[in-house]
Amino acid sequence: MTLYPYGAWEPIPYTARQSETRKQKEAYDKWRIEPLSWQPVSLNNFPADGIFGRDRDWFAKHDIGYTTCANGFNCILIERIWHGFPDPPEWGFGFQCAQTSQAPWQVAGSFERLPQAWVLL
């Protein structure tokens, strides 16, 4: 049983319009079956030149705990410090086209448990 209005998954933000909610859920359903191996992000040993064109502060501000690249996309896995209803679920997912760090980031919602196909290294 889940405490969240949408079940074990919810859009970012949870008040997103129906069209945005549907877009995020479709993206999540596509990505959750991909076998992804996630590399941890160390804020203590963050690369001077950043990750995916972003600096340490951006990663810290967004609670990004892991990264990976797959299918031509840069992917981030959000690991929220504050989570559990009424706060959002622990995990969140975002991705951008890997061809340029200027590409917009897209989010694919928040969720309580990691998909089975994903592995944290």
PDB file of N, CA and C in Angstrom:
ATOM      1  N   MET A   1       0.839  -1.178   0.000  1.00  0.00           N
ATOM      2  CA  MET A   1       0.000   0.000   0.000  1.00  0.00           C
ATOM      3  C   MET A   1       0.883   1.241   0.000  1.00  0.00           C
ATOM      4  N   THR A   2       0.426   2.266  -0.664  1.00  0.00           N
ATOM      5  CA  THR A   2       1.179   3.504  -0.748  1.00  0.00           C
ATOM      6  C   THR A   2       0.362   4.651  -0.170  1.00  0.00           C
ATOM      7  N   LEU A   3       1.061   5.670   0.279  1.00  0.00           N
ATOM      8  CA  LEU A   3       0.400   6.846   0.833  1.00  0.00           C
ATOM      9  C   LEU A   3       0.181   7.933  -0.204  1.00  0.00           C
ATOM     10  N   TYR A   4       0.730   7.758  -1.409  1.00  0.00           N
ATOM     11  CA  TYR A   4       0.701   8.808  -2.407  1.00  0.00           C
ATOM     12  C   TYR A   4      -0.564   8.753  -3.257  1.00  0.00           C
ATOM     13  N   PRO A   5      -1.071   9.934  -3.635  1.00  0.00           N
ATOM     14  CA  PRO A   5      -2.315   9.979  -4.420  1.00  0.00           C
ATOM     15  C   PRO A   5      -2.254   9.209  -5.739  1.00  0.00           C
ATOM     16  N   TYR A   6      -1.067   9.147  -6.375  1.00  0.00           N
ATOM     17  CA  TYR A   6      -0.936   8.470  -7.661  1.00  0.00           C
ATOM     18  C   TYR A   6      -0.465   7.022  -7.510  1.00  0.00           C
ATOM     19  N   GLY A   7      -0.317   6.538  -6.303  1.00  0.00           N
ATOM     20  CA  GLY A   7       0.239   5.208  -6.091  1.00  0.00           C
ATOM     21  C   GLY A   7       1.727   5.304  -5.830  1.00  0.00           C
ATOM     22  N   ALA A   8       2.493   4.321  -6.282  1.00  0.00           N
ATOM     23  CA  ALA A   8       3.935   4.278  -6.019  1.00  0.00           C
ATOM     24  C   ALA A   8       4.725   5.244  -6.903  1.00  0.00           C
ATOM     25  N   TRP A   9       4.055   5.913  -7.833  1.00  0.00           N
ATOM     26  CA  TRP A   9       4.677   6.885  -8.731  1.00  0.00           C
ATOM     27  C   TRP A   9       3.856   8.167  -8.689  1.00  0.00           C
ATOM     28  N   GLU A  10       4.530   9.314  -8.835  1.00  0.00           N
ATOM     29  CA  GLU A  10       3.793  10.577  -8.966  1.00  0.00           C
ATOM     30  C   GLU A  10       4.584  11.536  -9.847  1.00  0.00           C
ATOM     31  N   PRO A  11       3.905  12.485 -10.504  1.00  0.00           N
ATOM     32  CA  PRO A  11       4.601  13.429 -11.380  1.00  0.00           C
ATOM     33  C   PRO A  11       5.380  14.470 -10.582  1.00  0.00           C
ATOM     34  N   ILE A  12       6.274  15.151 -11.265  1.00  0.00           N
ATOM     35  CA  ILE A  12       7.020  16.278 -10.699  1.00  0.00           C
ATOM     36  C   ILE A  12       6.579  17.539 -11.440  1.00  0.00           C
ATOM     37  N   PRO A  13       5.999  18.524 -10.747  1.00  0.00           N
ATOM     38  CA  PRO A  13       5.495  18.449  -9.380  1.00  0.00           C
ATOM     39  C   PRO A  13       4.223  17.604  -9.332  1.00  0.00           C
ATOM     40  N   TYR A  14       3.821  17.217  -8.139  1.00  0.00           N
ATOM     41  CA  TYR A  14       2.659  16.336  -8.029  1.00  0.00           C
ATOM     42  C   TYR A  14       1.378  17.030  -8.487  1.00  0.00           C
ATOM     43  N   THR A  15       1.424  18.361  -8.627  1.00  0.00           N
ATOM     44  CA  THR A  15       0.276  19.126  -9.109  1.00  0.00           C
ATOM     45  C   THR A  15       0.326  19.357 -10.618  1.00  0.00           C
ATOM     46  N   ALA A  16       1.171  18.637 -11.328  1.00  0.00           N
ATOM     47  CA  ALA A  16       1.316  18.822 -12.780  1.00  0.00           C
ATOM     48  C   ALA A  16      -0.023  18.617 -13.491  1.00  0.00           C
ATOM     49  N   ARG A  17      -0.177  19.313 -14.602  1.00  0.00           N
ATOM     50  CA  ARG A  17      -1.390  19.151 -15.413  1.00  0.00           C
ATOM     51  C   ARG A  17      -1.465  17.733 -15.959  1.00  0.00           C
ATOM     52  N   GLN A  18      -2.639  17.339 -16.337  1.00  0.00           N
ATOM     53  CA  GLN A  18      -2.868  15.972 -16.808  1.00  0.00           C
ATOM     54  C   GLN A  18      -1.974  15.628 -17.994  1.00  0.00           C
ATOM     55  N   SER A  19      -1.805  16.550 -18.934  1.00  0.00           N
ATOM     56  CA  SER A  19      -0.975  16.264 -20.108  1.00  0.00           C
ATOM     57  C   SER A  19       0.484  16.049 -19.707  1.00  0.00           C
ATOM     58  N   GLU A  20       0.993  16.844 -18.777  1.00  0.00           N
ATOM     59  CA  GLU A  20       2.375  16.681 -18.301  1.00  0.00           C
ATOM     60  C   GLU A  20       2.512  15.399 -17.492  1.00  0.00           C
ATOM     61  N   THR A  21       1.508  15.093 -16.681  1.00  0.00           N
ATOM     62  CA  THR A  21       1.519  13.849 -15.903  1.00  0.00           C
ATOM     63  C   THR A  21       1.595  12.645 -16.830  1.00  0.00           C
ATOM     64  N   ARG A  22       0.793  12.648 -17.871  1.00  0.00           N
ATOM     65  CA  ARG A  22       0.787  11.537 -18.835  1.00  0.00           C
ATOM     66  C   ARG A  22       2.145  11.418 -19.527  1.00  0.00           C
ATOM     67  N   LYS A  23       2.730  12.540 -19.925  1.00  0.00           N
ATOM     68  CA  LYS A  23       4.044  12.546 -20.583  1.00  0.00           C
ATOM     69  C   LYS A  23       5.123  11.963 -19.667  1.00  0.00           C
ATOM     70  N   GLN A  24       5.115  12.385 -18.402  1.00  0.00           N
ATOM     71  CA  GLN A  24       6.103  11.870 -17.449  1.00  0.00           C
ATOM     72  C   GLN A  24       5.903  10.379 -17.192  1.00  0.00           C
ATOM     73  N   LYS A  25       4.663   9.949 -17.051  1.00  0.00           N
ATOM     74  CA  LYS A  25       4.397   8.534 -16.773  1.00  0.00           C
ATOM     75  C   LYS A  25       4.817   7.665 -17.949  1.00  0.00           C
ATOM     76  N   GLU A  26       4.562   8.122 -19.164  1.00  0.00           N
ATOM     77  CA  GLU A  26       4.993   7.368 -20.344  1.00  0.00           C
ATOM     78  C   GLU A  26       6.510   7.254 -20.379  1.00  0.00           C
ATOM     79  N   ALA A  27       7.214   8.339 -20.064  1.00  0.00           N
ATOM     80  CA  ALA A  27       8.678   8.300 -20.042  1.00  0.00           C
ATOM     81  C   ALA A  27       9.165   7.351 -18.957  1.00  0.00           C
ATOM     82  N   TYR A  28       8.572   7.420 -17.778  1.00  0.00           N
ATOM     83  CA  TYR A  28       8.964   6.523 -16.683  1.00  0.00           C
ATOM     84  C   TYR A  28       8.735   5.063 -17.071  1.00  0.00           C
ATOM     85  N   ASP A  29       7.583   4.764 -17.640  1.00  0.00           N
ATOM     86  CA  ASP A  29       7.287   3.381 -18.025  1.00  0.00           C
ATOM     87  C   ASP A  29       8.275   2.863 -19.066  1.00  0.00           C
ATOM     88  N   LYS A  30       8.742   3.741 -19.936  1.00  0.00           N
ATOM     89  CA  LYS A  30       9.747   3.350 -20.932  1.00  0.00           C
ATOM     90  C   LYS A  30      11.098   3.086 -20.266  1.00  0.00           C
ATOM     91  N   TRP A  31      11.523   4.006 -19.397  1.00  0.00           N
ATOM     92  CA  TRP A  31      12.842   3.907 -18.790  1.00  0.00           C
ATOM     93  C   TRP A  31      12.938   2.840 -17.700  1.00  0.00           C
ATOM     94  N   ARG A  32      11.859   2.552 -17.002  1.00  0.00           N
ATOM     95  CA  ARG A  32      11.948   1.641 -15.856  1.00  0.00           C
ATOM     96  C   ARG A  32      12.288   0.215 -16.256  1.00  0.00           C
ATOM     97  N   ILE A  33      12.091  -0.129 -17.526  1.00  0.00           N
ATOM     98  CA  ILE A  33      12.432  -1.486 -17.967  1.00  0.00           C
ATOM     99  C   ILE A  33      13.836  -1.566 -18.574  1.00  0.00           C
ATOM    100  N   GLU A  34      14.497  -0.414 -18.716  1.00  0.00           N
ATOM    101  CA  GLU A  34      15.868  -0.384 -19.226  1.00  0.00           C
ATOM    102  C   GLU A  34      16.829  -0.842 -18.132  1.00  0.00           C
ATOM    103  N   PRO A  35      17.741  -1.750 -18.436  1.00  0.00           N
ATOM    104  CA  PRO A  35      18.730  -2.158 -17.430  1.00  0.00           C
ATOM    105  C   PRO A  35      19.782  -1.051 -17.270  1.00  0.00           C
ATOM    106  N   LEU A  36      19.645  -0.265 -16.225  1.00  0.00           N
ATOM    107  CA  LEU A  36      20.553   0.859 -15.987  1.00  0.00           C
ATOM    108  C   LEU A  36      21.430   0.581 -14.772  1.00  0.00           C
ATOM    109  N   SER A  37      22.726   0.852 -14.915  1.00  0.00           N
ATOM    110  CA  SER A  37      23.669   0.763 -13.803  1.00  0.00           C
ATOM    111  C   SER A  37      24.032   2.187 -13.409  1.00  0.00           C
ATOM    112  N   TRP A  38      23.722   2.547 -12.195  1.00  0.00           N
ATOM    113  CA  TRP A  38      23.863   3.917 -11.708  1.00  0.00           C
ATOM    114  C   TRP A  38      25.154   4.110 -10.926  1.00  0.00           C
ATOM    115  N   GLN A  39      25.914   5.132 -11.312  1.00  0.00           N
ATOM    116  CA  GLN A  39      27.152   5.508 -10.612  1.00  0.00           C
ATOM    117  C   GLN A  39      26.818   6.536  -9.532  1.00  0.00           C
ATOM    118  N   PRO A  40      27.327   6.354  -8.315  1.00  0.00           N
ATOM    119  CA  PRO A  40      27.050   7.343  -7.267  1.00  0.00           C
ATOM    120  C   PRO A  40      27.755   8.673  -7.552  1.00  0.00           C
ATOM    121  N   VAL A  41      27.136   9.747  -7.117  1.00  0.00           N
ATOM    122  CA  VAL A  41      27.721  11.086  -7.217  1.00  0.00           C
ATOM    123  C   VAL A  41      28.297  11.420  -5.845  1.00  0.00           C
ATOM    124  N   SER A  42      29.582  11.724  -5.795  1.00  0.00           N
ATOM    125  CA  SER A  42      30.215  12.131  -4.545  1.00  0.00           C
ATOM    126  C   SER A  42      30.337  13.650  -4.527  1.00  0.00           C
ATOM    127  N   LEU A  43      29.584  14.288  -3.664  1.00  0.00           N
ATOM    128  CA  LEU A  43      29.686  15.743  -3.557  1.00  0.00           C
ATOM    129  C   LEU A  43      31.014  16.147  -2.919  1.00  0.00           C
ATOM    130  N   ASN A  44      31.628  15.239  -2.167  1.00  0.00           N
ATOM    131  CA  ASN A  44      32.928  15.527  -1.549  1.00  0.00           C
ATOM    132  C   ASN A  44      34.074  15.461  -2.554  1.00  0.00           C
ATOM    133  N   ASN A  45      33.940  14.648  -3.585  1.00  0.00           N
ATOM    134  CA  ASN A  45      34.964  14.510  -4.627  1.00  0.00           C
ATOM    135  C   ASN A  45      34.373  14.840  -5.992  1.00  0.00           C
ATOM    136  N   PHE A  46      33.612  15.904  -6.064  1.00  0.00           N
ATOM    137  CA  PHE A  46      32.936  16.264  -7.297  1.00  0.00           C
ATOM    138  C   PHE A  46      33.954  16.760  -8.324  1.00  0.00           C
ATOM    139  N   PRO A  47      33.849  16.307  -9.578  1.00  0.00           N
ATOM    140  CA  PRO A  47      34.813  16.724 -10.602  1.00  0.00           C
ATOM    141  C   PRO A  47      34.802  18.249 -10.804  1.00  0.00           C
ATOM    142  N   ALA A  48      35.974  18.832 -10.918  1.00  0.00           N
ATOM    143  CA  ALA A  48      36.097  20.283 -11.094  1.00  0.00           C
ATOM    144  C   ALA A  48      35.382  20.766 -12.349  1.00  0.00           C
ATOM    145  N   ASP A  49      35.371  19.932 -13.396  1.00  0.00           N
ATOM    146  CA  ASP A  49      34.715  20.335 -14.641  1.00  0.00           C
ATOM    147  C   ASP A  49      33.240  19.927 -14.684  1.00  0.00           C
ATOM    148  N   GLY A  50      32.712  19.428 -13.584  1.00  0.00           N
ATOM    149  CA  GLY A  50      31.296  19.107 -13.473  1.00  0.00           C
ATOM    150  C   GLY A  50      30.924  17.766 -14.075  1.00  0.00           C
ATOM    151  N   ILE A  51      29.647  17.494 -14.065  1.00  0.00           N
ATOM    152  CA  ILE A  51      29.070  16.286 -14.658  1.00  0.00           C
ATOM    153  C   ILE A  51      27.916  16.748 -15.537  1.00  0.00           C
ATOM    154  N   PHE A  52      27.893  16.280 -16.763  1.00  0.00           N
ATOM    155  CA  PHE A  52      26.847  16.653 -17.724  1.00  0.00           C
ATOM    156  C   PHE A  52      26.742  18.174 -17.881  1.00  0.00           C
ATOM    157  N   GLY A  53      27.869  18.874 -17.729  1.00  0.00           N
ATOM    158  CA  GLY A  53      27.872  20.325 -17.887  1.00  0.00           C
ATOM    159  C   GLY A  53      27.296  21.087 -16.699  1.00  0.00           C
ATOM    160  N   ARG A  54      27.067  20.409 -15.603  1.00  0.00           N
ATOM    161  CA  ARG A  54      26.499  21.037 -14.403  1.00  0.00           C
ATOM    162  C   ARG A  54      27.511  20.995 -13.266  1.00  0.00           C
ATOM    163  N   ASP A  55      27.428  21.985 -12.385  1.00  0.00           N
ATOM    164  CA  ASP A  55      28.373  22.055 -11.266  1.00  0.00           C
ATOM    165  C   ASP A  55      27.822  21.357 -10.021  1.00  0.00           C
ATOM    166  N   ARG A  56      28.672  21.295  -9.010  1.00  0.00           N
ATOM    167  CA  ARG A  56      28.344  20.622  -7.763  1.00  0.00           C
ATOM    168  C   ARG A  56      27.087  21.204  -7.119  1.00  0.00           C
ATOM    169  N   ASP A  57      26.965  22.524  -7.130  1.00  0.00           N
ATOM    170  CA  ASP A  57      25.810  23.163  -6.488  1.00  0.00           C
ATOM    171  C   ASP A  57      24.494  22.711  -7.119  1.00  0.00           C
ATOM    172  N   TRP A  58      24.474  22.559  -8.438  1.00  0.00           N
ATOM    173  CA  TRP A  58      23.261  22.115  -9.121  1.00  0.00           C
ATOM    174  C   TRP A  58      22.887  20.703  -8.677  1.00  0.00           C
ATOM    175  N   PHE A  59      23.893  19.839  -8.577  1.00  0.00           N
ATOM    176  CA  PHE A  59      23.634  18.465  -8.133  1.00  0.00           C
ATOM    177  C   PHE A  59      23.128  18.434  -6.697  1.00  0.00           C
ATOM    178  N   ALA A  60      23.752  19.232  -5.829  1.00  0.00           N
ATOM    179  CA  ALA A  60      23.341  19.272  -4.421  1.00  0.00           C
ATOM    180  C   ALA A  60      21.928  19.842  -4.283  1.00  0.00           C
ATOM    181  N   LYS A  61      21.637  20.901  -5.008  1.00  0.00           N
ATOM    182  CA  LYS A  61      20.326  21.556  -4.939  1.00  0.00           C
ATOM    183  C   LYS A  61      19.197  20.613  -5.342  1.00  0.00           C
ATOM    184  N   HIS A  62      19.478  19.716  -6.283  1.00  0.00           N
ATOM    185  CA  HIS A  62      18.450  18.808  -6.793  1.00  0.00           C
ATOM    186  C   HIS A  62      18.511  17.395  -6.185  1.00  0.00           C
ATOM    187  N   ASP A  63      19.324  17.214  -5.150  1.00  0.00           N
ATOM    188  CA  ASP A  63      19.435  15.911  -4.463  1.00  0.00           C
ATOM    189  C   ASP A  63      19.797  14.779  -5.419  1.00  0.00           C
ATOM    190  N   ILE A  64      20.659  15.057  -6.382  1.00  0.00           N
ATOM    191  CA  ILE A  64      21.040  14.030  -7.347  1.00  0.00           C
ATOM    192  C   ILE A  64      22.086  13.117  -6.726  1.00  0.00           C
ATOM    193  N   GLY A  65      21.737  11.851  -6.617  1.00  0.00           N
ATOM    194  CA  GLY A  65      22.619  10.891  -5.967  1.00  0.00           C
ATOM    195  C   GLY A  65      23.358   9.981  -6.920  1.00  0.00           C
ATOM    196  N   TYR A  66      22.842   9.840  -8.168  1.00  0.00           N
ATOM    197  CA  TYR A  66      23.428   8.891  -9.111  1.00  0.00           C
ATOM    198  C   TYR A  66      23.269   9.403 -10.534  1.00  0.00           C
ATOM    199  N   THR A  67      24.162   8.954 -11.397  1.00  0.00           N
ATOM    200  CA  THR A  67      24.087   9.282 -12.821  1.00  0.00           C
ATOM    201  C   THR A  67      24.380   8.043 -13.664  1.00  0.00           C
ATOM    202  N   THR A  68      23.937   8.099 -14.901  1.00  0.00           N
ATOM    203  CA  THR A  68      24.289   7.085 -15.889  1.00  0.00           C
ATOM    204  C   THR A  68      24.029   7.669 -17.274  1.00  0.00           C
ATOM    205  N   CYS A  69      24.525   6.994 -18.279  1.00  0.00           N
ATOM    206  CA  CYS A  69      24.255   7.351 -19.671  1.00  0.00           C
ATOM    207  C   CYS A  69      23.704   6.106 -20.357  1.00  0.00           C
ATOM    208  N   ALA A  70      22.670   6.307 -21.145  1.00  0.00           N
ATOM    209  CA  ALA A  70      22.065   5.168 -21.852  1.00  0.00           C
ATOM    210  C   ALA A  70      21.271   5.663 -23.055  1.00  0.00           C
ATOM    211  N   ASN A  71      21.377   4.938 -24.147  1.00  0.00           N
ATOM    212  CA  ASN A  71      20.575   5.205 -25.340  1.00  0.00           C
ATOM    213  C   ASN A  71      20.689   6.648 -25.831  1.00  0.00           C
ATOM    214  N   GLY A  72      21.871   7.249 -25.673  1.00  0.00           N
ATOM    215  CA  GLY A  72      22.078   8.617 -26.132  1.00  0.00           C
ATOM    216  C   GLY A  72      21.557   9.682 -25.180  1.00  0.00           C
ATOM    217  N   PHE A  73      21.304   9.309 -23.935  1.00  0.00           N
ATOM    218  CA  PHE A  73      20.796  10.254 -22.940  1.00  0.00           C
ATOM    219  C   PHE A  73      21.669  10.257 -21.690  1.00  0.00           C
ATOM    220  N   ASN A  74      21.796  11.433 -21.090  1.00  0.00           N
ATOM    221  CA  ASN A  74      22.352  11.583 -19.746  1.00  0.00           C
ATOM    222  C   ASN A  74      21.182  11.396 -18.791  1.00  0.00           C
ATOM    223  N   CYS A  75      21.385  10.609 -17.747  1.00  0.00           N
ATOM    224  CA  CYS A  75      20.301  10.327 -16.807  1.00  0.00           C
ATOM    225  C   CYS A  75      20.735  10.658 -15.387  1.00  0.00           C
ATOM    226  N   ILE A  76      19.803  11.212 -14.619  1.00  0.00           N
ATOM    227  CA  ILE A  76      20.050  11.506 -13.211  1.00  0.00           C
ATOM    228  C   ILE A  76      19.014  10.783 -12.364  1.00  0.00           C
ATOM    229  N   LEU A  77      19.469  10.314 -11.220  1.00  0.00           N
ATOM    230  CA  LEU A  77      18.589   9.675 -10.255  1.00  0.00           C
ATOM    231  C   LEU A  77      18.614  10.517  -8.991  1.00  0.00           C
ATOM    232  N   ILE A  78      17.469  11.069  -8.657  1.00  0.00           N
ATOM    233  CA  ILE A  78      17.332  11.912  -7.475  1.00  0.00           C
ATOM    234  C   ILE A  78      17.101  10.999  -6.278  1.00  0.00           C
ATOM    235  N   GLU A  79      17.856  11.243  -5.222  1.00  0.00           N
ATOM    236  CA  GLU A  79      17.671  10.515  -3.965  1.00  0.00           C
ATOM    237  C   GLU A  79      17.391  11.559  -2.890  1.00  0.00           C
ATOM    238  N   ARG A  80      16.124  11.767  -2.613  1.00  0.00           N
ATOM    239  CA  ARG A  80      15.730  12.842  -1.707  1.00  0.00           C
ATOM    240  C   ARG A  80      16.067  12.518  -0.257  1.00  0.00           C
ATOM    241  N   ILE A  81      16.609  13.510   0.412  1.00  0.00           N
ATOM    242  CA  ILE A  81      16.879  13.388   1.845  1.00  0.00           C
ATOM    243  C   ILE A  81      15.554  13.371   2.595  1.00  0.00           C
ATOM    244  N   TRP A  82      14.669  14.295   2.246  1.00  0.00           N
ATOM    245  CA  TRP A  82      13.352  14.356   2.857  1.00  0.00           C
ATOM    246  C   TRP A  82      12.375  13.654   1.929  1.00  0.00           C
ATOM    247  N   HIS A  83      11.801  12.586   2.391  1.00  0.00           N
ATOM    248  CA  HIS A  83      10.841  11.845   1.566  1.00  0.00           C
ATOM    249  C   HIS A  83       9.851  11.131   2.457  1.00  0.00           C
ATOM    250  N   GLY A  84       8.777  10.709   1.875  1.00  0.00           N
ATOM    251  CA  GLY A  84       7.693  10.072   2.607  1.00  0.00           C
ATOM    252  C   GLY A  84       6.565  11.066   2.799  1.00  0.00           C
ATOM    253  N   PHE A  85       5.358  10.631   2.572  1.00  0.00           N
ATOM    254  CA  PHE A  85       4.195  11.503   2.603  1.00  0.00           C
ATOM    255  C   PHE A  85       4.166  12.335   3.884  1.00  0.00           C
ATOM    256  N   PRO A  86       3.958  13.651   3.793  1.00  0.00           N
ATOM    257  CA  PRO A  86       3.501  14.401   2.634  1.00  0.00           C
ATOM    258  C   PRO A  86       4.626  14.875   1.703  1.00  0.00           C
ATOM    259  N   ASP A  87       5.872  14.568   2.032  1.00  0.00           N
ATOM    260  CA  ASP A  87       6.961  14.891   1.109  1.00  0.00           C
ATOM    261  C   ASP A  87       6.910  13.936  -0.077  1.00  0.00           C
ATOM    262  N   PRO A  88       7.615  14.268  -1.182  1.00  0.00           N
ATOM    263  CA  PRO A  88       7.610  13.373  -2.346  1.00  0.00           C
ATOM    264  C   PRO A  88       8.258  12.023  -2.027  1.00  0.00           C
ATOM    265  N   PRO A  89       8.044  11.036  -2.896  1.00  0.00           N
ATOM    266  CA  PRO A  89       8.739   9.754  -2.746  1.00  0.00           C
ATOM    267  C   PRO A  89      10.261   9.944  -2.787  1.00  0.00           C
ATOM    268  N   GLU A  90      10.981   8.943  -2.311  1.00  0.00           N
ATOM    269  CA  GLU A  90      12.442   9.034  -2.173  1.00  0.00           C
ATOM    270  C   GLU A  90      13.163   9.268  -3.497  1.00  0.00           C
ATOM    271  N   TRP A  91      12.712   8.637  -4.559  1.00  0.00           N
ATOM    272  CA  TRP A  91      13.454   8.639  -5.817  1.00  0.00           C
ATOM    273  C   TRP A  91      12.776   9.496  -6.882  1.00  0.00           C
ATOM    274  N   GLY A  92      13.587  10.098  -7.734  1.00  0.00           N
ATOM    275  CA  GLY A  92      13.103  10.834  -8.892  1.00  0.00           C
ATOM    276  C   GLY A  92      14.037  10.570 -10.062  1.00  0.00           C
ATOM    277  N   PHE A  93      13.570  10.802 -11.270  1.00  0.00           N
ATOM    278  CA  PHE A  93      14.343  10.481 -12.461  1.00  0.00           C
ATOM    279  C   PHE A  93      14.252  11.608 -13.471  1.00  0.00           C
ATOM    280  N   GLY A  94      15.387  11.941 -14.071  1.00  0.00           N
ATOM    281  CA  GLY A  94      15.430  12.940 -15.129  1.00  0.00           C
ATOM    282  C   GLY A  94      16.409  12.522 -16.207  1.00  0.00           C
ATOM    283  N   PHE A  95      16.242  13.090 -17.402  1.00  0.00           N
ATOM    284  CA  PHE A  95      17.126  12.733 -18.515  1.00  0.00           C
ATOM    285  C   PHE A  95      17.223  13.898 -19.489  1.00  0.00           C
ATOM    286  N   GLN A  96      18.303  13.913 -20.252  1.00  0.00           N
ATOM    287  CA  GLN A  96      18.503  14.901 -21.307  1.00  0.00           C
ATOM    288  C   GLN A  96      19.285  14.252 -22.441  1.00  0.00           C
ATOM    289  N   CYS A  97      19.125  14.772 -23.639  1.00  0.00           N
ATOM    290  CA  CYS A  97      19.885  14.301 -24.787  1.00  0.00           C
ATOM    291  C   CYS A  97      21.364  14.525 -24.500  1.00  0.00           C
ATOM    292  N   ALA A  98      22.177  13.501 -24.704  1.00  0.00           N
ATOM    293  CA  ALA A  98      23.598  13.573 -24.359  1.00  0.00           C
ATOM    294  C   ALA A  98      24.428  14.351 -25.373  1.00  0.00           C
ATOM    295  N   GLN A  99      23.850  14.745 -26.489  1.00  0.00           N
ATOM    296  CA  GLN A  99      24.638  15.415 -27.524  1.00  0.00           C
ATOM    297  C   GLN A  99      25.098  16.797 -27.108  1.00  0.00           C
ATOM    298  N   THR A 100      24.372  17.436 -26.193  1.00  0.00           N
ATOM    299  CA  THR A 100      24.769  18.759 -25.730  1.00  0.00           C
ATOM    300  C   THR A 100      24.327  18.969 -24.290  1.00  0.00           C
ATOM    301  N   SER A 101      25.187  19.588 -23.490  1.00  0.00           N
ATOM    302  CA  SER A 101      24.824  19.857 -22.101  1.00  0.00           C
ATOM    303  C   SER A 101      23.792  20.981 -22.009  1.00  0.00           C
ATOM    304  N   GLN A 102      23.526  21.637 -23.135  1.00  0.00           N
ATOM    305  CA  GLN A 102      22.527  22.707 -23.156  1.00  0.00           C
ATOM    306  C   GLN A 102      21.108  22.175 -23.416  1.00  0.00           C
ATOM    307  N   ALA A 103      21.002  20.894 -23.724  1.00  0.00           N
ATOM    308  CA  ALA A 103      19.679  20.308 -23.963  1.00  0.00           C
ATOM    309  C   ALA A 103      18.853  20.403 -22.674  1.00  0.00           C
ATOM    310  N   PRO A 104      17.556  20.630 -22.804  1.00  0.00           N
ATOM    311  CA  PRO A 104      16.721  20.729 -21.596  1.00  0.00           C
ATOM    312  C   PRO A 104      16.601  19.382 -20.886  1.00  0.00           C
ATOM    313  N   TRP A 105      16.524  19.452 -19.562  1.00  0.00           N
ATOM    314  CA  TRP A 105      16.290  18.250 -18.769  1.00  0.00           C
ATOM    315  C   TRP A 105      14.801  17.970 -18.742  1.00  0.00           C
ATOM    316  N   GLN A 106      14.444  16.713 -18.825  1.00  0.00           N
ATOM    317  CA  GLN A 106      13.066  16.280 -18.702  1.00  0.00           C
ATOM    318  C   GLN A 106      12.968  15.398 -17.468  1.00  0.00           C
ATOM    319  N   VAL A 107      11.859  15.481 -16.770  1.00  0.00           N
ATOM    320  CA  VAL A 107      11.662  14.634 -15.597  1.00  0.00           C
ATOM    321  C   VAL A 107      10.632  13.559 -15.918  1.00  0.00           C
ATOM    322  N   ALA A 108      10.753  12.448 -15.231  1.00  0.00           N
ATOM    323  CA  ALA A 108       9.834  11.332 -15.444  1.00  0.00           C
ATOM    324  C   ALA A 108       9.246  10.866 -14.118  1.00  0.00           C
ATOM    325  N   GLY A 109       9.049  11.800 -13.216  1.00  0.00           N
ATOM    326  CA  GLY A 109       8.329  11.514 -11.986  1.00  0.00           C
ATOM    327  C   GLY A 109       9.178  11.067 -10.817  1.00  0.00           C
ATOM    328  N   SER A 110       8.466  10.825  -9.730  1.00  0.00           N
ATOM    329  CA  SER A 110       9.031  10.354  -8.464  1.00  0.00           C
ATOM    330  C   SER A 110       8.418   9.007  -8.134  1.00  0.00           C
ATOM    331  N   PHE A 111       9.150   8.195  -7.387  1.00  0.00           N
ATOM    332  CA  PHE A 111       8.661   6.857  -7.083  1.00  0.00           C
ATOM    333  C   PHE A 111       9.249   6.368  -5.776  1.00  0.00           C
ATOM    334  N   GLU A 112       8.537   5.441  -5.139  1.00  0.00           N
ATOM    335  CA  GLU A 112       8.931   4.926  -3.828  1.00  0.00           C
ATOM    336  C   GLU A 112      10.061   3.907  -3.896  1.00  0.00           C
ATOM    337  N   ARG A 113      10.043   3.067  -4.912  1.00  0.00           N
ATOM    338  CA  ARG A 113      11.036   1.986  -5.029  1.00  0.00           C
ATOM    339  C   ARG A 113      11.703   2.042  -6.396  1.00  0.00           C
ATOM    340  N   LEU A 114      12.977   1.667  -6.421  1.00  0.00           N
ATOM    341  CA  LEU A 114      13.690   1.625  -7.688  1.00  0.00           C
ATOM    342  C   LEU A 114      13.152   0.506  -8.565  1.00  0.00           C
ATOM    343  N   PRO A 115      13.070   0.751  -9.866  1.00  0.00           N
ATOM    344  CA  PRO A 115      12.680  -0.331 -10.780  1.00  0.00           C
ATOM    345  C   PRO A 115      13.643  -1.516 -10.664  1.00  0.00           C
ATOM    346  N   GLN A 116      13.138  -2.698 -10.855  1.00  0.00           N
ATOM    347  CA  GLN A 116      13.948  -3.909 -10.742  1.00  0.00           C
ATOM    348  C   GLN A 116      15.099  -3.954 -11.720  1.00  0.00           C
ATOM    349  N   ALA A 117      14.962  -3.312 -12.870  1.00  0.00           N
ATOM    350  CA  ALA A 117      16.008  -3.341 -13.896  1.00  0.00           C
ATOM    351  C   ALA A 117      17.166  -2.400 -13.582  1.00  0.00           C
ATOM    352  N   TRP A 118      17.037  -1.578 -12.549  1.00  0.00           N
ATOM    353  CA  TRP A 118      18.074  -0.611 -12.217  1.00  0.00           C
ATOM    354  C   TRP A 118      18.957  -1.127 -11.080  1.00  0.00           C
ATOM    355  N   VAL A 119      20.263  -0.856 -11.199  1.00  0.00           N
ATOM    356  CA  VAL A 119      21.228  -1.297 -10.185  1.00  0.00           C
ATOM    357  C   VAL A 119      22.052  -0.104  -9.735  1.00  0.00           C
ATOM    358  N   LEU A 120      22.145   0.073  -8.429  1.00  0.00           N
ATOM    359  CA  LEU A 120      23.021   1.104  -7.868  1.00  0.00           C
ATOM    360  C   LEU A 120      24.387   0.493  -7.639  1.00  0.00           C
ATOM    361  N   LEU A 121      25.417   1.126  -8.187  1.00  0.00           N
ATOM    362  CA  LEU A 121      26.791   0.617  -8.041  1.00  0.00           C
ATOM    363  C   LEU A 121      27.467   1.228  -6.830  1.00  0.00           C
TER     364      LEU A 121
END
